[in-house]
Protein backbone atom coordinates (compact mmCIF):
# COMPACT_ATOMS: atom_id res chain seq x y z
CA UNK A 1 0.03 0.08 -0.03
CA UNK A 2 3.00 2.43 0.75
CA UNK A 3 4.80 1.89 -2.60
CA UNK A 4 1.14 2.68 -4.26
CA UNK A 5 0.97 5.73 -2.32
CA UNK A 6 4.29 6.76 -3.00
CA UNK A 7 4.20 6.22 -6.99
CA UNK A 8 0.56 8.45 -6.91
CA UNK A 9 2.78 10.87 -4.93
CA UNK A 10 5.09 11.08 -7.55
CA UNK A 11 2.09 12.17 -9.86
CA UNK A 12 0.18 14.52 -7.35
CA UNK A 13 -2.44 11.92 -7.15
CA UNK A 14 -4.75 11.41 -4.12
CA UNK A 15 -5.95 8.02 -3.09
CA UNK A 16 -6.75 6.86 -7.02
CA UNK A 17 -6.32 3.08 -7.49
CA UNK A 18 -3.38 1.66 -9.87
CA UNK A 19 -4.98 -0.52 -12.31
CA UNK A 20 -1.45 -0.90 -14.19
CA UNK A 21 2.28 0.14 -13.55
CA UNK A 22 3.27 -0.15 -17.42
CA UNK A 23 1.73 1.89 -18.91
CA UNK A 24 0.49 3.56 -15.88
CA UNK A 25 -3.29 3.40 -15.27
CA UNK A 26 -5.14 4.83 -12.26
CA UNK A 27 -8.86 5.20 -11.85
CA UNK A 28 -10.71 7.46 -9.05
CA UNK A 29 -13.17 6.04 -6.54
CA UNK A 30 -16.87 6.96 -6.98
CA UNK A 31 -16.76 8.74 -3.57
CA UNK A 32 -13.69 10.94 -4.53
CA UNK A 33 -15.50 12.57 -7.34
CA UNK A 34 -17.91 14.61 -5.34
CA UNK A 35 -16.62 17.53 -6.45
CA UNK A 36 -18.49 19.77 -9.49
CA UNK A 37 -15.21 20.28 -10.97
CA UNK A 38 -12.94 17.47 -10.53
CA UNK A 39 -9.63 17.99 -8.68
CA UNK A 40 -6.21 17.50 -10.89
CA UNK A 41 -4.96 15.07 -7.80
CA UNK A 42 -8.21 13.19 -7.96
CA UNK A 43 -8.22 13.22 -11.91
CA UNK A 44 -7.69 9.65 -13.46
CA UNK A 45 -4.73 8.51 -15.32
CA UNK A 46 -5.08 6.56 -18.80
CA UNK A 47 -1.52 5.87 -20.47
CA UNK A 48 -1.17 3.71 -23.77
CA UNK A 49 2.43 4.41 -23.82
CA UNK A 50 5.10 5.05 -21.92
CA UNK A 51 5.87 8.84 -21.07
CA UNK A 52 7.78 10.74 -23.41
CA UNK A 53 10.72 13.27 -22.52
CA UNK A 54 10.14 16.18 -19.92
CA UNK A 55 9.44 19.48 -21.40
CA UNK A 56 11.47 22.63 -20.66
CA UNK A 57 9.66 25.47 -22.34
CA UNK A 58 6.27 24.45 -22.63
CA UNK A 59 5.64 27.38 -24.86
CA UNK A 60 8.04 26.32 -27.43
CA UNK A 61 6.14 22.97 -28.18
CA UNK A 62 5.24 22.70 -31.79
CA UNK A 63 2.65 20.62 -33.10
CA UNK A 64 1.51 20.45 -37.23
CA UNK A 65 -1.61 20.21 -39.28
CA UNK A 66 -0.90 18.77 -42.57
CA UNK A 67 -2.66 16.28 -45.00
CA UNK A 68 -5.76 17.30 -47.34
CA UNK A 69 -5.52 21.19 -45.92
CA UNK A 70 -4.70 24.16 -48.37
CA UNK A 71 -2.30 25.80 -46.06
CA UNK A 72 -0.40 23.17 -43.52
CA UNK A 73 0.51 24.59 -40.30
CA UNK A 74 3.54 24.59 -38.00
CA UNK A 75 2.86 26.01 -34.49
CA UNK A 76 4.19 26.65 -31.64
CA UNK A 77 2.09 26.67 -28.44
CA UNK A 78 3.08 30.30 -28.18
CA UNK A 79 1.67 30.81 -31.27
CA UNK A 80 -1.15 29.19 -30.58
CA UNK A 81 -2.31 31.04 -27.93
CA UNK A 82 -1.79 34.34 -29.86
CA UNK A 83 -3.48 33.38 -32.79
CA UNK A 84 -6.25 31.77 -31.67
CA UNK A 85 -9.58 33.01 -29.50
CA UNK A 86 -9.10 30.82 -26.02
CA UNK A 87 -12.05 28.90 -24.62
CA UNK A 88 -12.91 27.32 -21.72
CA UNK A 89 -15.36 24.36 -20.72
CA UNK A 90 -16.09 22.45 -17.96
CA UNK A 91 -16.29 18.75 -19.67
CA UNK A 92 -16.29 15.10 -19.01
CA UNK A 93 -13.31 13.21 -20.09
CA UNK A 94 -14.20 9.15 -20.32
CA UNK A 95 -11.75 6.56 -20.67
CA UNK A 96 -13.46 4.06 -23.19
CA UNK A 97 -13.11 0.76 -21.48
CA UNK A 98 -14.95 2.77 -18.08
CA UNK A 99 -17.01 -0.21 -16.81
CA UNK A 100 -15.11 -2.95 -18.22
CA UNK A 101 -14.82 -5.00 -14.90
CA UNK A 102 -18.34 -5.48 -14.84
CA UNK A 103 -18.84 -7.46 -17.84
CA UNK A 104 -18.95 -11.36 -17.36
CA UNK A 105 -17.09 -13.14 -18.31
CA UNK A 106 -14.22 -10.92 -17.81
CA UNK A 107 -13.23 -8.66 -21.27
CA UNK A 108 -9.65 -7.69 -22.23
CA UNK A 109 -7.88 -4.44 -20.43
CA UNK A 110 -7.69 -2.23 -17.66
CA UNK A 111 -10.59 -3.61 -15.05
CA UNK A 112 -12.10 -0.19 -14.75
CA UNK A 113 -14.96 0.54 -12.50
CA UNK A 114 -16.61 3.59 -12.87
CA UNK A 115 -13.79 5.69 -12.10
CA UNK A 116 -12.32 5.96 -15.43
CA UNK A 117 -13.79 9.67 -15.46
CA UNK A 118 -13.44 13.24 -14.36
CA UNK A 119 -15.13 16.68 -15.57
CA UNK A 120 -12.25 19.56 -15.08
CA UNK A 121 -12.16 22.88 -16.83
CA UNK A 122 -10.10 22.69 -20.02
CA UNK A 123 -8.68 25.64 -21.45
CA UNK A 124 -7.53 26.09 -25.17
CA UNK A 125 -8.40 26.76 -28.49
CA UNK A 126 -11.45 25.08 -30.56
CA UNK A 127 -9.60 22.70 -33.26
CA UNK A 128 -12.38 23.90 -35.55
CA UNK A 129 -10.76 27.59 -35.60
CA UNK A 130 -7.34 25.93 -36.59
CA UNK A 131 -8.69 23.69 -39.26
CA UNK A 132 -10.27 26.35 -40.68
CA UNK A 133 -7.17 28.13 -40.66
CA UNK A 134 -5.40 25.94 -42.51
CA UNK A 135 -8.10 25.54 -45.17
CA UNK A 136 -9.89 22.11 -45.11
CA UNK A 137 -10.32 20.73 -48.77
CA UNK A 138 -13.05 19.23 -50.27
CA UNK A 139 -11.60 15.68 -49.91
CA UNK A 140 -11.11 16.18 -45.93
CA UNK A 141 -13.11 13.14 -44.05
CA UNK A 142 -11.28 12.07 -41.06
CA UNK A 143 -8.44 13.24 -38.82
CA UNK A 144 -5.40 11.23 -37.12
CA UNK A 145 -3.87 12.18 -34.33
CA UNK A 146 -0.18 11.55 -33.21
CA UNK A 147 1.56 12.34 -29.88
CA UNK A 148 4.91 12.20 -28.59
CA UNK A 149 4.56 9.46 -26.19
CA UNK A 150 6.93 6.18 -27.02
CA UNK A 151 4.82 2.66 -27.30
CA UNK A 152 4.67 0.36 -23.98
CA UNK A 153 8.29 -1.25 -25.31
CA UNK A 154 9.53 2.18 -25.19
CA UNK A 155 10.04 2.30 -28.95
CA UNK A 156 9.81 5.57 -30.85
CA UNK A 157 9.30 4.16 -33.92
CA UNK A 158 5.78 3.14 -33.30
CA UNK A 159 3.11 5.53 -32.01
CA UNK A 160 1.48 4.00 -28.47
CA UNK A 161 -1.92 5.06 -29.68
CA UNK A 162 -3.05 6.89 -32.98
CA UNK A 163 -6.90 7.46 -33.18
CA UNK A 164 -9.05 9.94 -35.64
CA UNK A 165 -12.26 11.05 -35.91
CA UNK A 166 -14.84 12.06 -38.85
CA UNK A 167 -14.53 15.97 -39.48
CA UNK A 168 -17.74 16.92 -38.24
CA UNK A 169 -16.44 15.60 -34.92
CA UNK A 170 -13.29 17.71 -35.24
CA UNK A 171 -15.29 20.81 -36.09
CA UNK A 172 -17.64 21.07 -32.85
CA UNK A 173 -16.74 23.93 -30.91
CA UNK A 174 -16.09 21.87 -27.87
CA UNK A 175 -13.08 19.83 -29.57
CA UNK A 176 -10.50 21.73 -28.12
CA UNK A 177 -6.54 21.88 -28.44
CA UNK A 178 -5.72 22.26 -24.45
CA UNK A 179 -3.34 23.70 -22.55
CA UNK A 180 -4.84 24.05 -19.13
CA UNK A 181 -6.62 22.17 -16.58
CA UNK A 182 -8.70 23.94 -13.96
CA UNK A 183 -7.01 27.24 -14.59
CA UNK A 184 -3.29 25.40 -14.19
CA UNK A 185 -0.99 24.96 -17.10
CA UNK A 186 -1.81 21.46 -17.98
CA UNK A 187 0.21 18.68 -16.12
CA UNK A 188 2.62 16.91 -17.84
CA UNK A 189 0.77 13.52 -16.51
CA UNK A 190 -2.16 14.42 -18.41
CA UNK A 191 -0.61 15.42 -21.91
CA UNK A 192 0.85 18.61 -21.26
CA UNK A 193 1.83 21.15 -22.59
CA UNK A 194 -0.71 20.52 -25.22
CA UNK A 195 -3.43 18.02 -26.00
CA UNK A 196 -6.66 17.31 -27.74
CA UNK A 197 -9.83 16.90 -25.79
CA UNK A 198 -12.79 15.29 -27.14
CA UNK A 199 -15.73 15.38 -25.09
CA UNK A 200 -18.27 12.85 -25.43
CA UNK A 201 -16.15 10.41 -27.08
CA UNK A 202 -13.90 7.89 -25.74
CA UNK A 203 -10.73 9.34 -24.05
CA UNK A 204 -8.39 7.47 -26.25
CA UNK A 205 -9.23 10.30 -29.19
CA UNK A 206 -8.20 13.28 -26.88
CA UNK A 207 -4.44 12.65 -27.48
CA UNK A 208 -1.91 13.66 -24.78
CA UNK A 209 1.51 15.48 -25.95
CA UNK A 210 0.36 16.62 -28.94
CA UNK A 211 2.88 16.87 -32.09
CA UNK A 212 0.56 16.06 -35.26
CA UNK A 213 -3.09 16.28 -36.82
CA UNK A 214 -2.96 14.76 -40.28
CA UNK A 215 -6.40 15.55 -42.18
CA UNK A 216 -7.20 12.45 -44.13
CA UNK A 217 -9.56 11.61 -47.01
CA UNK A 218 -10.37 8.35 -45.65
CA UNK A 219 -10.85 6.66 -42.05
CA UNK A 220 -7.94 6.79 -40.34
CA UNK A 221 -6.02 3.47 -39.79
CA UNK A 222 -3.66 3.91 -36.83
CA UNK A 223 -3.02 2.32 -34.19
CA UNK A 224 -6.29 1.94 -31.84
CA UNK A 225 -8.54 2.04 -35.24
CA UNK A 226 -8.62 -1.12 -36.46
CA UNK A 227 -8.99 -5.15 -35.60
CA UNK A 228 -11.15 -4.77 -32.19
CA UNK A 229 -9.37 -1.79 -30.80
CA UNK A 230 -11.80 0.75 -29.70
CA UNK A 231 -14.67 -0.85 -31.72
CA UNK A 232 -17.79 -2.69 -30.96
CA UNK A 233 -20.00 -5.39 -32.33
CA UNK A 234 -22.52 -4.40 -35.00
CA UNK A 235 -24.95 -7.28 -34.08
CA UNK A 236 -24.99 -8.30 -30.01
CA UNK A 237 -22.84 -11.03 -29.26
CA UNK A 238 -23.45 -14.15 -27.15
CA UNK A 239 -20.93 -13.38 -23.87
CA UNK A 240 -17.57 -14.76 -23.96
CA UNK A 241 -17.50 -15.03 -27.81
CA UNK A 242 -14.62 -15.25 -30.54
CA UNK A 243 -15.24 -11.87 -32.22
CA UNK A 244 -12.13 -11.84 -34.91
CA UNK A 245 -14.80 -12.24 -37.79
CA UNK A 246 -17.84 -10.30 -36.99
CA UNK A 247 -18.84 -6.79 -38.14
CA UNK A 248 -17.85 -4.02 -35.73
CA UNK A 249 -18.16 -0.34 -35.80
CA UNK A 250 -15.85 2.42 -34.29
CA UNK A 251 -16.95 3.48 -30.99
CA UNK A 252 -18.14 6.68 -31.01
CA UNK A 253 -20.35 8.45 -28.25
CA UNK A 254 -20.19 7.08 -24.90
CA UNK A 255 -23.46 5.75 -23.22
CA UNK A 256 -24.98 7.51 -20.13
CA UNK A 257 -23.82 6.74 -16.70
CA UNK A 258 -24.77 7.79 -13.47
CA UNK A 259 -22.48 7.67 -10.54
CA UNK A 260 -23.36 8.16 -6.67
CA UNK A 261 -20.27 10.13 -5.34
CA UNK A 262 -22.38 10.23 -1.59
CA UNK A 263 -22.72 8.04 0.69
CA UNK A 264 -19.82 5.85 -0.31
CA UNK A 265 -19.92 2.52 -0.58
CA UNK A 266 -20.27 0.45 2.64
CA UNK A 267 -21.02 3.71 4.94
CA UNK A 268 -23.13 3.40 8.07
CA UNK A 269 -25.68 5.13 9.89
CA UNK A 270 -27.05 5.13 13.27
CA UNK A 271 -30.12 2.79 14.71
CA UNK A 272 -33.05 4.78 13.51
CA UNK A 273 -32.07 6.82 10.75
CA UNK A 274 -35.16 6.96 8.40
CA UNK A 275 -33.87 9.39 5.59
CA UNK A 276 -30.49 10.20 4.11
CA UNK A 277 -29.09 12.51 1.05
CA UNK A 278 -27.74 10.95 -2.13
CA UNK A 279 -25.64 12.82 -4.47
CA UNK A 280 -24.10 11.88 -7.56
CA UNK A 281 -23.28 12.77 -11.04
CA UNK A 282 -24.16 12.27 -14.85
CA UNK A 283 -23.03 12.32 -18.21
CA UNK A 284 -24.39 10.82 -21.73
CA UNK A 285 -21.64 11.07 -24.28
CA UNK A 286 -23.67 13.55 -27.32
CA UNK A 287 -26.37 13.33 -25.87
CA UNK A 288 -27.85 15.18 -22.60
CA UNK A 289 -29.27 13.48 -19.36
CA UNK A 290 -32.78 13.57 -18.88
CA UNK A 291 -33.23 12.18 -15.90
CA UNK A 292 -31.55 10.46 -12.59
CA UNK A 293 -33.65 8.00 -10.46
CA UNK A 294 -32.66 6.01 -7.43
CA UNK A 295 -34.04 3.08 -5.81
CA UNK A 296 -33.52 0.91 -2.81
CA UNK A 297 -35.85 -1.90 -3.58
CA UNK A 298 -33.85 -3.70 -6.60
CA UNK A 299 -36.01 -0.90 -8.94
CA UNK A 300 -39.43 -1.87 -7.59
CA UNK A 301 -39.87 1.78 -6.92
CA UNK A 302 -38.16 4.77 -7.77
CA UNK A 303 -37.15 8.34 -6.30
CA UNK A 304 -36.25 11.13 -8.88
CA UNK A 305 -33.31 13.22 -8.22
CA UNK A 306 -32.84 17.04 -8.63
CA UNK A 307 -30.25 18.06 -11.54
CA UNK A 308 -28.60 20.99 -11.31
CA UNK A 309 -28.16 22.45 -14.97
CA UNK A 310 -24.78 21.80 -16.44
CA UNK A 311 -22.39 24.94 -17.10
CA UNK A 312 -22.12 24.04 -20.64
CA UNK A 313 -22.51 21.32 -23.11
CA UNK A 314 -20.43 17.99 -22.27
CA UNK A 315 -20.42 19.27 -18.48
CA UNK A 316 -21.65 16.43 -16.17
CA UNK A 317 -24.90 16.52 -14.25
CA UNK A 318 -24.70 17.38 -10.62
CA UNK A 319 -27.95 15.48 -8.73
CA UNK A 320 -29.19 15.00 -5.52
CA UNK A 321 -32.27 12.74 -3.89
CA UNK A 322 -33.76 12.46 -0.69
CA UNK A 323 -34.06 8.55 0.33
CA UNK A 324 -36.49 7.55 2.74
CA UNK A 325 -35.54 4.61 4.45
CA UNK A 326 -38.53 2.36 6.04
CA UNK A 327 -36.14 0.85 8.71
CA UNK A 328 -33.01 -0.31 10.42
CA UNK A 329 -31.00 -2.94 8.17
CA UNK A 330 -29.15 -3.26 4.93
CA UNK A 331 -29.69 -1.25 1.79
CA UNK A 332 -28.24 -1.32 -1.72
CA UNK A 333 -29.16 1.95 -3.66
CA UNK A 334 -28.68 2.11 -7.37
CA UNK A 335 -28.50 5.14 -9.40
CA UNK A 336 -30.00 5.37 -12.85
CA UNK A 337 -29.82 7.97 -15.56
CA UNK A 338 -31.64 8.10 -18.63
CA UNK A 339 -30.20 10.23 -21.60
CA UNK A 340 -32.42 12.49 -23.86
CA UNK A 341 -33.08 9.83 -26.61
CA UNK A 342 -34.52 7.42 -23.83
CA UNK A 343 -31.96 5.41 -23.24
CA UNK A 344 -31.30 4.36 -19.32
CA UNK A 345 -28.67 2.41 -17.94
CA UNK A 346 -29.03 -1.16 -17.65
CA UNK A 347 -29.76 -3.61 -14.36
CA UNK A 348 -27.39 -6.29 -16.17
CA UNK A 349 -24.53 -6.13 -18.95
CA UNK A 350 -26.43 -6.25 -22.52
CA UNK A 351 -23.58 -5.00 -24.82
CA UNK A 352 -20.75 -7.74 -24.05
CA UNK A 353 -17.57 -7.31 -26.48
CA UNK A 354 -14.10 -8.58 -26.10
CA UNK A 355 -12.37 -5.84 -25.20
CA UNK A 356 -14.95 -4.19 -22.83
CA UNK A 357 -16.28 -1.20 -24.23
CA UNK A 358 -19.29 0.82 -23.18
CA UNK A 359 -20.66 -0.76 -20.38
CA UNK A 360 -22.66 1.57 -18.15
CA UNK A 361 -24.22 -0.71 -15.64
CA UNK A 362 -26.33 0.93 -13.29
CA UNK A 363 -24.09 2.31 -10.11
CA UNK A 364 -24.82 0.25 -6.54
CA UNK A 365 -23.97 1.61 -3.19
CA UNK A 366 -24.22 -0.44 -0.22
CA UNK A 367 -25.08 0.92 3.02
CA UNK A 368 -25.85 -0.14 6.86
CA UNK A 369 -28.47 1.32 9.45
CA UNK A 370 -28.23 0.16 12.98
CA UNK A 371 -26.46 -2.31 14.51
CA UNK A 372 -28.06 -5.26 12.86
CA UNK A 373 -27.77 -3.91 9.52
C-alpha cells in the first residue's frame, strides 16, 4: 500500500486505485468524484505507452496540421495561444473501457469500475478554428492524431496510440486543443503542454503530448483504429464469443452513466435513521441527461433526483435525492440515468464485447443502518 501511495504521490494524485504500472493507469473511486469540478489530484490517469521526455519550455512545443488542407500549419504553443481565441469549458473526459470490470465473462483490458472519468475545466482553442485557418479541402473526411509518447516497449518508432475522428466531430466548438486544466498549466501526466480533448467520445481520441493532426481523405488506420481496438460489434454477441470475424463499428459517443458519490459504499448510519441524502453525477456522451432516479428496493420503486443545470454542453450533471428508509438494516442504493434519446442504464450487461467497451451498468452502493444492519 505504501508503494502505491508513493507512486501516486509522484504523479500528484490522491488515493487513486492503480490498475496498471506499465503503461501507468489509475482510476478514481466514485466517492472521490464528489466535486463539481474534478480536482487534478483526483483525475484519473490513462496512458497507452510510456511517458515522453520532459518539456523544458512549454511555449516552444510545436505541432503540425497537414494532409488534406490548403495551408499546412506548423505552430508553437505560444503561436497557438496568440493567434486564436481561447475558450474554457467544463467537460467530462472518459475512458472507452470505463465499467469494463462489470462484464461477465471478463473482457480484455484494464479492469475499470466507474472511475475512468472526470470533469475538469479545459482551456485552449477550438480545433475548428485551427482547421479553418489551415483550409480544409473538399476531400477532408477524417483526422489522425499523433503524440510524442513512445509505445509501451519504449520504441519511438511506433505510436503508442493514434486515433482519429470524422471531420464533423473535429469541427464541433467543444473539441479543443488544450494547454490548461482547472486554471493551471496542463500537467505533464495529463498530456501537457498540449493535448486534444474530444468530449463525449472515448478518451483515447484526446491525444496527449500532441505533435500532429493529419487530415485524411479516409478513415484513419493508426493504432487504436483497427481490429477490435475501440470498436464494438454491430450486432449483439453471446458473452464470451470470439469476435475476430464479426462486423464492428468504431466506438463513438459514450453511453449514459450515473455514479453515486455520497454516501460511499459501505457507509453506516445510526439506528433509527429514516432518511439519507444521496448525491452524484451523470453524463451521456453526445446527448443530454434527461433524468436520474434512485431505488433501494431493486427497482420496484424509484425516487426522482433533482438535477443542477450543466455549465455547458459535455459538462456532467450533478444530482441530489432524498431517500426514505423504512427501518434499520442493509440497503443497496441504485442510481439510474436516462439520456435525451430515452436510453437508460441497464441492471445487467447487455452489450458484451471482447475488449469491454461501453459498459454502463447501474451503480450500486451498499449501506447499513443500525447495529443489526
